[in-house]
Protein backbone atom coordinates (compact mmCIF):
# COMPACT_ATOMS: atom_id res chain seq x y z
CA MET A 1 -19.62 -12.93 2.07
CA SER A 2 -17.10 -10.00 3.17
CA LYS A 3 -18.81 -6.71 4.30
CA ILE A 4 -17.23 -3.99 2.26
CA HIS A 5 -18.36 -0.50 2.90
CA PRO A 6 -19.05 1.41 -0.34
CA THR A 7 -16.44 4.15 0.27
CA ALA A 8 -13.60 1.54 0.84
CA ILE A 9 -10.87 1.41 -2.01
CA ILE A 10 -9.34 -1.94 -2.67
CA SER A 11 -6.88 -3.26 -5.06
CA PRO A 12 -8.26 -6.19 -7.19
CA ASP A 13 -4.88 -7.88 -6.23
CA ALA A 14 -5.64 -7.88 -2.47
CA LYS A 15 -6.68 -11.42 -1.09
CA ILE A 16 -9.72 -10.81 1.19
CA ASP A 17 -11.32 -13.71 3.23
CA LYS A 18 -15.14 -13.85 3.05
CA SER A 19 -15.59 -13.27 6.74
CA VAL A 20 -13.59 -9.80 6.51
CA THR A 21 -15.34 -6.59 7.66
CA ILE A 22 -14.05 -3.44 5.95
CA GLY A 23 -15.23 -0.07 7.27
CA PRO A 24 -15.78 3.50 5.64
CA PHE A 25 -12.70 5.01 3.99
CA CYS A 26 -10.22 2.13 4.11
CA CYS A 27 -7.77 1.76 1.56
CA ILE A 28 -6.38 -1.76 0.84
CA GLY A 29 -3.17 -1.97 -1.56
CA ASN A 30 -1.60 -4.81 -3.71
CA ASN A 31 -0.06 -7.53 -1.82
CA VAL A 32 -2.21 -7.45 1.12
CA LYS A 33 -3.81 -10.55 2.59
CA LEU A 34 -6.76 -10.17 5.30
CA ASN A 35 -7.30 -13.30 6.83
CA LYS A 36 -10.44 -14.79 8.42
CA ASN A 37 -12.41 -12.58 10.71
CA VAL A 38 -10.27 -9.23 10.40
CA GLN A 39 -12.24 -6.07 11.07
CA LEU A 40 -10.93 -2.65 9.64
CA LEU A 41 -13.18 -0.36 11.45
CA SER A 42 -12.67 2.93 9.29
CA ASN A 43 -10.04 5.13 7.76
CA VAL A 44 -7.39 2.32 7.81
CA ILE A 45 -4.76 2.16 5.36
CA VAL A 46 -2.87 -1.33 4.57
CA GLU A 47 -0.23 -1.36 2.02
CA GLY A 48 2.98 -3.30 0.98
CA HIS A 49 3.71 -6.87 1.53
CA THR A 50 1.09 -7.24 4.46
CA VAL A 51 -0.65 -10.08 6.10
CA VAL A 52 -3.26 -9.30 8.54
CA GLY A 53 -3.71 -12.33 10.96
CA GLU A 54 -7.09 -14.04 11.99
CA GLY A 55 -9.15 -12.08 14.02
CA THR A 56 -7.19 -8.94 13.98
CA ARG A 57 -9.06 -5.60 14.59
CA ILE A 58 -7.62 -2.40 13.42
CA PHE A 59 -8.91 0.87 14.61
CA PRO A 60 -9.21 3.94 12.72
CA PHE A 61 -6.27 6.02 11.41
CA ARG A 62 -3.64 3.21 11.49
CA MET A 63 -1.50 2.37 8.44
CA SER A 64 1.07 -0.07 7.80
CA TRP A 65 4.89 0.34 8.37
CA LEU A 66 5.78 0.59 4.61
CA LEU A 67 3.33 3.55 3.97
CA ARG A 68 4.44 5.01 7.65
CA ILE A 69 7.97 4.94 6.26
CA MET A 70 6.95 6.46 2.88
CA LEU A 71 5.29 9.25 4.55
CA TYR A 72 8.30 9.85 6.87
CA VAL A 73 10.60 10.19 3.90
CA LEU A 74 8.21 12.60 1.80
CA THR A 75 7.89 14.77 5.04
CA VAL A 76 11.24 15.01 6.91
CA VAL A 77 13.79 13.54 4.51
CA LYS A 78 12.31 15.44 1.20
CA GLY A 79 11.10 18.20 3.08
CA PHE A 80 7.43 18.07 1.81
CA CYS A 81 5.46 19.59 4.73
């Protein structure tokens, strides 16, 4: 059974292996697949069409490439600072 912290926000469309650990304040979006023994420590955002490989460990304040691009567009291109 997955270990999911109660403060984590997870899309019902995400595919999460039963051995995954998701720490506090993580956000998992649609079209995300977390494979066997993945660990998201805390404050990790995974969005877009993303597959996290077996045994991967993601540290705090990391985000997927799609979210990073969206934040760049909003802050630099659109001028939302």
